[in-house]
């Protein structure tokens, strides 16, 4: 499952990061690191972008970028 599919206030575990090297590096620099937990904390009126809490920060991502983050519900 990818990050853009989780619902508001759901917490998931980041499994892997996909995409081209630029997008992958950007997501890693923002704190979307495999093994970290991420939570959807805000959804805009048209559901794009969404804000996620990860590593103590709140980051807004467009759905097209959030599709590069593979997540799972395991270990919650």
PDB file of N, CA and C in Angstrom:
ATOM      1  N   UNK A   1       0.851  -1.165   0.000  1.00  0.00           N
ATOM      2  CA  UNK A   1       0.000   0.000   0.000  1.00  0.00           C
ATOM      3  C   UNK A   1       0.908   1.243   0.000  1.00  0.00           C
ATOM      4  N   UNK A   2       0.407   2.325  -0.563  1.00  0.00           N
ATOM      5  CA  UNK A   2       1.196   3.554  -0.611  1.00  0.00           C
ATOM      6  C   UNK A   2       0.605   4.617   0.322  1.00  0.00           C
ATOM      7  N   UNK A   3       1.423   5.601   0.652  1.00  0.00           N
ATOM      8  CA  UNK A   3       1.077   6.618   1.643  1.00  0.00           C
ATOM      9  C   UNK A   3      -0.179   7.407   1.271  1.00  0.00           C
ATOM     10  N   UNK A   4      -0.423   7.623   0.001  1.00  0.00           N
ATOM     11  CA  UNK A   4      -1.590   8.397  -0.421  1.00  0.00           C
ATOM     12  C   UNK A   4      -2.913   7.693  -0.126  1.00  0.00           C
ATOM     13  N   UNK A   5      -2.882   6.424   0.237  1.00  0.00           N
ATOM     14  CA  UNK A   5      -4.102   5.639   0.481  1.00  0.00           C
ATOM     15  C   UNK A   5      -4.542   5.627   1.943  1.00  0.00           C
ATOM     16  N   UNK A   6      -3.698   6.099   2.866  1.00  0.00           N
ATOM     17  CA  UNK A   6      -4.097   6.029   4.279  1.00  0.00           C
ATOM     18  C   UNK A   6      -5.103   7.126   4.598  1.00  0.00           C
ATOM     19  N   UNK A   7      -5.901   6.883   5.620  1.00  0.00           N
ATOM     20  CA  UNK A   7      -6.943   7.811   6.025  1.00  0.00           C
ATOM     21  C   UNK A   7      -6.430   8.764   7.106  1.00  0.00           C
ATOM     22  N   UNK A   8      -7.181   9.799   7.349  1.00  0.00           N
ATOM     23  CA  UNK A   8      -6.849  10.785   8.374  1.00  0.00           C
ATOM     24  C   UNK A   8      -6.671  10.108   9.730  1.00  0.00           C
ATOM     25  N   UNK A   9      -5.628  10.465  10.444  1.00  0.00           N
ATOM     26  CA  UNK A   9      -5.268   9.955  11.776  1.00  0.00           C
ATOM     27  C   UNK A   9      -4.797   8.505  11.794  1.00  0.00           C
ATOM     28  N   UNK A  10      -4.564   7.890  10.650  1.00  0.00           N
ATOM     29  CA  UNK A  10      -3.993   6.547  10.622  1.00  0.00           C
ATOM     30  C   UNK A  10      -2.480   6.642  10.704  1.00  0.00           C
ATOM     31  N   UNK A  11      -1.888   5.729  11.448  1.00  0.00           N
ATOM     32  CA  UNK A  11      -0.434   5.663  11.566  1.00  0.00           C
ATOM     33  C   UNK A  11       0.050   4.379  10.912  1.00  0.00           C
ATOM     34  N   UNK A  12       1.088   4.496  10.092  1.00  0.00           N
ATOM     35  CA  UNK A  12       1.628   3.351   9.369  1.00  0.00           C
ATOM     36  C   UNK A  12       3.149   3.364   9.445  1.00  0.00           C
ATOM     37  N   UNK A  13       3.734   2.253   9.071  1.00  0.00           N
ATOM     38  CA  UNK A  13       5.180   2.090   9.056  1.00  0.00           C
ATOM     39  C   UNK A  13       5.682   2.233   7.627  1.00  0.00           C
ATOM     40  N   UNK A  14       6.721   3.028   7.420  1.00  0.00           N
ATOM     41  CA  UNK A  14       7.297   3.194   6.086  1.00  0.00           C
ATOM     42  C   UNK A  14       8.134   1.962   5.759  1.00  0.00           C
ATOM     43  N   UNK A  15       7.824   1.329   4.633  1.00  0.00           N
ATOM     44  CA  UNK A  15       8.542   0.121   4.205  1.00  0.00           C
ATOM     45  C   UNK A  15       9.662   0.449   3.215  1.00  0.00           C
ATOM     46  N   UNK A  16       9.357   1.263   2.207  1.00  0.00           N
ATOM     47  CA  UNK A  16      10.363   1.602   1.205  1.00  0.00           C
ATOM     48  C   UNK A  16       9.968   2.875   0.469  1.00  0.00           C
ATOM     49  N   UNK A  17      10.941   3.459  -0.213  1.00  0.00           N
ATOM     50  CA  UNK A  17      10.749   4.679  -0.991  1.00  0.00           C
ATOM     51  C   UNK A  17      11.067   4.352  -2.438  1.00  0.00           C
ATOM     52  N   UNK A  18      10.176   4.765  -3.344  1.00  0.00           N
ATOM     53  CA  UNK A  18      10.361   4.520  -4.778  1.00  0.00           C
ATOM     54  C   UNK A  18      10.478   5.852  -5.511  1.00  0.00           C
ATOM     55  N   UNK A  19      10.554   5.790  -6.823  1.00  0.00           N
ATOM     56  CA  UNK A  19      10.616   7.001  -7.636  1.00  0.00           C
ATOM     57  C   UNK A  19      12.006   7.233  -8.188  1.00  0.00           C
ATOM     58  N   UNK A  20      12.139   8.308  -8.964  1.00  0.00           N
ATOM     59  CA  UNK A  20      13.455   8.631  -9.528  1.00  0.00           C
ATOM     60  C   UNK A  20      14.396   9.079  -8.412  1.00  0.00           C
ATOM     61  N   UNK A  21      15.654   9.190  -8.723  1.00  0.00           N
ATOM     62  CA  UNK A  21      16.655   9.472  -7.683  1.00  0.00           C
ATOM     63  C   UNK A  21      16.413  10.816  -6.999  1.00  0.00           C
ATOM     64  N   UNK A  22      15.944  11.823  -7.739  1.00  0.00           N
ATOM     65  CA  UNK A  22      15.685  13.133  -7.145  1.00  0.00           C
ATOM     66  C   UNK A  22      14.548  13.051  -6.129  1.00  0.00           C
ATOM     67  N   UNK A  23      13.436  12.425  -6.511  1.00  0.00           N
ATOM     68  CA  UNK A  23      12.283  12.326  -5.606  1.00  0.00           C
ATOM     69  C   UNK A  23      12.624  11.460  -4.401  1.00  0.00           C
ATOM     70  N   UNK A  24      13.323  10.371  -4.638  1.00  0.00           N
ATOM     71  CA  UNK A  24      13.726   9.488  -3.544  1.00  0.00           C
ATOM     72  C   UNK A  24      14.586  10.242  -2.528  1.00  0.00           C
ATOM     73  N   UNK A  25      15.569  10.987  -2.999  1.00  0.00           N
ATOM     74  CA  UNK A  25      16.452  11.761  -2.121  1.00  0.00           C
ATOM     75  C   UNK A  25      15.665  12.822  -1.360  1.00  0.00           C
ATOM     76  N   UNK A  26      14.728  13.489  -2.044  1.00  0.00           N
ATOM     77  CA  UNK A  26      13.927  14.531  -1.407  1.00  0.00           C
ATOM     78  C   UNK A  26      13.080  13.956  -0.278  1.00  0.00           C
ATOM     79  N   UNK A  27      12.420  12.827  -0.529  1.00  0.00           N
ATOM     80  CA  UNK A  27      11.589  12.201   0.498  1.00  0.00           C
ATOM     81  C   UNK A  27      12.434  11.750   1.691  1.00  0.00           C
ATOM     82  N   UNK A  28      13.591  11.189   1.429  1.00  0.00           N
ATOM     83  CA  UNK A  28      14.481  10.772   2.513  1.00  0.00           C
ATOM     84  C   UNK A  28      14.945  11.975   3.326  1.00  0.00           C
ATOM     85  N   UNK A  29      15.280  13.069   2.655  1.00  0.00           N
ATOM     86  CA  UNK A  29      15.716  14.290   3.354  1.00  0.00           C
ATOM     87  C   UNK A  29      14.602  14.886   4.212  1.00  0.00           C
ATOM     88  N   UNK A  30      13.351  14.702   3.797  1.00  0.00           N
ATOM     89  CA  UNK A  30      12.217  15.214   4.564  1.00  0.00           C
ATOM     90  C   UNK A  30      11.892  14.345   5.778  1.00  0.00           C
ATOM     91  N   UNK A  31      12.507  13.163   5.866  1.00  0.00           N
ATOM     92  CA  UNK A  31      12.292  12.298   7.018  1.00  0.00           C
ATOM     93  C   UNK A  31      11.496  11.039   6.737  1.00  0.00           C
ATOM     94  N   UNK A  32      11.119  10.822   5.491  1.00  0.00           N
ATOM     95  CA  UNK A  32      10.379   9.615   5.119  1.00  0.00           C
ATOM     96  C   UNK A  32      11.382   8.477   4.922  1.00  0.00           C
ATOM     97  N   UNK A  33      11.802   7.892   6.028  1.00  0.00           N
ATOM     98  CA  UNK A  33      12.858   6.884   6.058  1.00  0.00           C
ATOM     99  C   UNK A  33      12.241   5.533   6.404  1.00  0.00           C
ATOM    100  N   UNK A  34      12.586   4.484   5.650  1.00  0.00           N
ATOM    101  CA  UNK A  34      12.066   3.153   5.980  1.00  0.00           C
ATOM    102  C   UNK A  34      12.328   2.810   7.447  1.00  0.00           C
ATOM    103  N   UNK A  35      11.289   2.270   8.098  1.00  0.00           N
ATOM    104  CA  UNK A  35      11.379   1.932   9.509  1.00  0.00           C
ATOM    105  C   UNK A  35      10.757   2.974  10.424  1.00  0.00           C
ATOM    106  N   UNK A  36      10.464   4.158   9.899  1.00  0.00           N
ATOM    107  CA  UNK A  36       9.844   5.231  10.684  1.00  0.00           C
ATOM    108  C   UNK A  36       8.326   5.132  10.579  1.00  0.00           C
ATOM    109  N   UNK A  37       7.629   5.621  11.605  1.00  0.00           N
ATOM    110  CA  UNK A  37       6.179   5.697  11.566  1.00  0.00           C
ATOM    111  C   UNK A  37       5.763   7.048  11.002  1.00  0.00           C
ATOM    112  N   UNK A  38       4.669   7.057  10.265  1.00  0.00           N
ATOM    113  CA  UNK A  38       4.124   8.278   9.689  1.00  0.00           C
ATOM    114  C   UNK A  38       2.611   8.273   9.923  1.00  0.00           C
ATOM    115  N   UNK A  39       2.081   9.472  10.162  1.00  0.00           N
ATOM    116  CA  UNK A  39       0.645   9.610  10.448  1.00  0.00           C
ATOM    117  C   UNK A  39       0.068  10.722   9.589  1.00  0.00           C
ATOM    118  N   UNK A  40      -1.096  10.485   9.003  1.00  0.00           N
ATOM    119  CA  UNK A  40      -1.797  11.522   8.245  1.00  0.00           C
ATOM    120  C   UNK A  40      -2.507  12.424   9.250  1.00  0.00           C
ATOM    121  N   UNK A  41      -2.155  13.717   9.279  1.00  0.00           N
ATOM    122  CA  UNK A  41      -2.713  14.621  10.274  1.00  0.00           C
ATOM    123  C   UNK A  41      -3.643  15.693   9.692  1.00  0.00           C
ATOM    124  N   UNK A  42      -3.643  15.858   8.377  1.00  0.00           N
ATOM    125  CA  UNK A  42      -4.496  16.873   7.760  1.00  0.00           C
ATOM    126  C   UNK A  42      -4.757  16.510   6.308  1.00  0.00           C
ATOM    127  N   UNK A  43      -6.004  16.648   5.895  1.00  0.00           N
ATOM    128  CA  UNK A  43      -6.382  16.414   4.504  1.00  0.00           C
ATOM    129  C   UNK A  43      -7.011  17.691   3.978  1.00  0.00           C
ATOM    130  N   UNK A  44      -6.534  18.183   2.850  1.00  0.00           N
ATOM    131  CA  UNK A  44      -7.087  19.411   2.277  1.00  0.00           C
ATOM    132  C   UNK A  44      -8.493  19.155   1.737  1.00  0.00           C
ATOM    133  N   UNK A  45      -9.260  20.203   1.470  1.00  0.00           N
ATOM    134  CA  UNK A  45     -10.642  20.033   1.018  1.00  0.00           C
ATOM    135  C   UNK A  45     -10.804  19.150  -0.227  1.00  0.00           C
ATOM    136  N   UNK A  46      -9.854  19.197  -1.139  1.00  0.00           N
ATOM    137  CA  UNK A  46      -9.937  18.370  -2.344  1.00  0.00           C
ATOM    138  C   UNK A  46      -9.063  17.126  -2.243  1.00  0.00           C
ATOM    139  N   UNK A  47      -8.622  16.797  -1.025  1.00  0.00           N
ATOM    140  CA  UNK A  47      -7.820  15.596  -0.724  1.00  0.00           C
ATOM    141  C   UNK A  47      -6.431  15.605  -1.356  1.00  0.00           C
ATOM    142  N   UNK A  48      -5.959  16.741  -1.792  1.00  0.00           N
ATOM    143  CA  UNK A  48      -4.610  16.838  -2.351  1.00  0.00           C
ATOM    144  C   UNK A  48      -4.154  18.277  -2.216  1.00  0.00           C
ATOM    145  N   UNK A  49      -3.120  18.590  -1.442  1.00  0.00           N
ATOM    146  CA  UNK A  49      -2.200  17.679  -0.743  1.00  0.00           C
ATOM    147  C   UNK A  49      -2.743  17.240   0.617  1.00  0.00           C
ATOM    148  N   UNK A  50      -1.961  16.398   1.257  1.00  0.00           N
ATOM    149  CA  UNK A  50      -2.229  15.945   2.616  1.00  0.00           C
ATOM    150  C   UNK A  50      -0.998  16.243   3.460  1.00  0.00           C
ATOM    151  N   UNK A  51      -1.205  16.410   4.760  1.00  0.00           N
ATOM    152  CA  UNK A  51      -0.077  16.667   5.662  1.00  0.00           C
ATOM    153  C   UNK A  51       0.173  15.414   6.494  1.00  0.00           C
ATOM    154  N   UNK A  52       1.439  15.067   6.635  1.00  0.00           N
ATOM    155  CA  UNK A  52       1.856  13.871   7.363  1.00  0.00           C
ATOM    156  C   UNK A  52       2.829  14.254   8.458  1.00  0.00           C
ATOM    157  N   UNK A  53       2.695  13.602   9.605  1.00  0.00           N
ATOM    158  CA  UNK A  53       3.641  13.802  10.695  1.00  0.00           C
ATOM    159  C   UNK A  53       4.649  12.664  10.644  1.00  0.00           C
ATOM    160  N   UNK A  54       5.922  13.028  10.510  1.00  0.00           N
ATOM    161  CA  UNK A  54       6.991  12.044  10.460  1.00  0.00           C
ATOM    162  C   UNK A  54       8.227  12.661  11.107  1.00  0.00           C
ATOM    163  N   UNK A  55       8.888  11.901  11.936  1.00  0.00           N
ATOM    164  CA  UNK A  55      10.121  12.347  12.600  1.00  0.00           C
ATOM    165  C   UNK A  55       9.941  13.681  13.323  1.00  0.00           C
ATOM    166  N   UNK A  56       8.772  13.890  13.936  1.00  0.00           N
ATOM    167  CA  UNK A  56       8.535  15.110  14.705  1.00  0.00           C
ATOM    168  C   UNK A  56       8.193  16.335  13.879  1.00  0.00           C
ATOM    169  N   UNK A  57       8.048  16.178  12.577  1.00  0.00           N
ATOM    170  CA  UNK A  57       7.720  17.289  11.683  1.00  0.00           C
ATOM    171  C   UNK A  57       6.410  17.013  10.974  1.00  0.00           C
ATOM    172  N   UNK A  58       5.749  18.067  10.527  1.00  0.00           N
ATOM    173  CA  UNK A  58       4.557  17.925   9.698  1.00  0.00           C
ATOM    174  C   UNK A  58       4.927  18.385   8.292  1.00  0.00           C
ATOM    175  N   UNK A  59       4.756  17.478   7.332  1.00  0.00           N
ATOM    176  CA  UNK A  59       5.158  17.724   5.946  1.00  0.00           C
ATOM    177  C   UNK A  59       3.943  17.550   5.041  1.00  0.00           C
ATOM    178  N   UNK A  60       3.691  18.509   4.155  1.00  0.00           N
ATOM    179  CA  UNK A  60       2.610  18.391   3.180  1.00  0.00           C
ATOM    180  C   UNK A  60       3.175  17.762   1.905  1.00  0.00           C
ATOM    181  N   UNK A  61       2.479  16.747   1.419  1.00  0.00           N
ATOM    182  CA  UNK A  61       2.888  16.071   0.184  1.00  0.00           C
ATOM    183  C   UNK A  61       1.704  15.980  -0.766  1.00  0.00           C
ATOM    184  N   UNK A  62       1.977  16.191  -2.037  1.00  0.00           N
ATOM    185  CA  UNK A  62       0.955  15.927  -3.047  1.00  0.00           C
ATOM    186  C   UNK A  62       0.772  14.417  -3.152  1.00  0.00           C
ATOM    187  N   UNK A  63      -0.400  13.983  -3.558  1.00  0.00           N
ATOM    188  CA  UNK A  63      -0.668  12.553  -3.682  1.00  0.00           C
ATOM    189  C   UNK A  63       0.273  11.874  -4.676  1.00  0.00           C
ATOM    190  N   UNK A  64       0.625  12.567  -5.746  1.00  0.00           N
ATOM    191  CA  UNK A  64       1.522  11.977  -6.743  1.00  0.00           C
ATOM    192  C   UNK A  64       2.896  11.678  -6.137  1.00  0.00           C
ATOM    193  N   UNK A  65       3.318  12.483  -5.151  1.00  0.00           N
ATOM    194  CA  UNK A  65       4.591  12.237  -4.472  1.00  0.00           C
ATOM    195  C   UNK A  65       4.431  11.190  -3.377  1.00  0.00           C
ATOM    196  N   UNK A  66       3.289  11.200  -2.689  1.00  0.00           N
ATOM    197  CA  UNK A  66       3.036  10.230  -1.623  1.00  0.00           C
ATOM    198  C   UNK A  66       2.939   8.807  -2.163  1.00  0.00           C
ATOM    199  N   UNK A  67       2.641   8.661  -3.448  1.00  0.00           N
ATOM    200  CA  UNK A  67       2.572   7.329  -4.064  1.00  0.00           C
ATOM    201  C   UNK A  67       3.938   6.657  -4.111  1.00  0.00           C
ATOM    202  N   UNK A  68       5.006   7.408  -3.906  1.00  0.00           N
ATOM    203  CA  UNK A  68       6.362   6.851  -3.911  1.00  0.00           C
ATOM    204  C   UNK A  68       6.765   6.249  -2.569  1.00  0.00           C
ATOM    205  N   UNK A  69       5.907   6.395  -1.557  1.00  0.00           N
ATOM    206  CA  UNK A  69       6.218   5.893  -0.217  1.00  0.00           C
ATOM    207  C   UNK A  69       5.360   4.663   0.053  1.00  0.00           C
ATOM    208  N   UNK A  70       5.996   3.516   0.121  1.00  0.00           N
ATOM    209  CA  UNK A  70       5.276   2.267   0.420  1.00  0.00           C
ATOM    210  C   UNK A  70       5.210   2.076   1.929  1.00  0.00           C
ATOM    211  N   UNK A  71       4.008   1.775   2.422  1.00  0.00           N
ATOM    212  CA  UNK A  71       3.770   1.663   3.863  1.00  0.00           C
ATOM    213  C   UNK A  71       2.999   0.388   4.181  1.00  0.00           C
ATOM    214  N   UNK A  72       2.986   0.046   5.483  1.00  0.00           N
ATOM    215  CA  UNK A  72       2.176  -1.091   5.940  1.00  0.00           C
ATOM    216  C   UNK A  72       1.652  -0.797   7.334  1.00  0.00           C
ATOM    217  N   UNK A  73       0.632  -1.536   7.731  1.00  0.00           N
ATOM    218  CA  UNK A  73       0.042  -1.400   9.060  1.00  0.00           C
ATOM    219  C   UNK A  73       0.746  -2.256  10.087  1.00  0.00           C
ATOM    220  N   UNK A  74       1.729  -3.024   9.704  1.00  0.00           N
ATOM    221  CA  UNK A  74       2.424  -3.941  10.621  1.00  0.00           C
ATOM    222  C   UNK A  74       3.125  -3.165  11.729  1.00  0.00           C
ATOM    223  N   UNK A  75       3.193  -3.802  12.890  1.00  0.00           N
ATOM    224  CA  UNK A  75       3.916  -3.270  14.050  1.00  0.00           C
ATOM    225  C   UNK A  75       3.369  -1.979  14.599  1.00  0.00           C
ATOM    226  N   UNK A  76       2.068  -1.694  14.399  1.00  0.00           N
ATOM    227  CA  UNK A  76       1.462  -0.477  14.975  1.00  0.00           C
ATOM    228  C   UNK A  76       1.021  -0.737  16.379  1.00  0.00           C
TER     229      UNK A  76
END
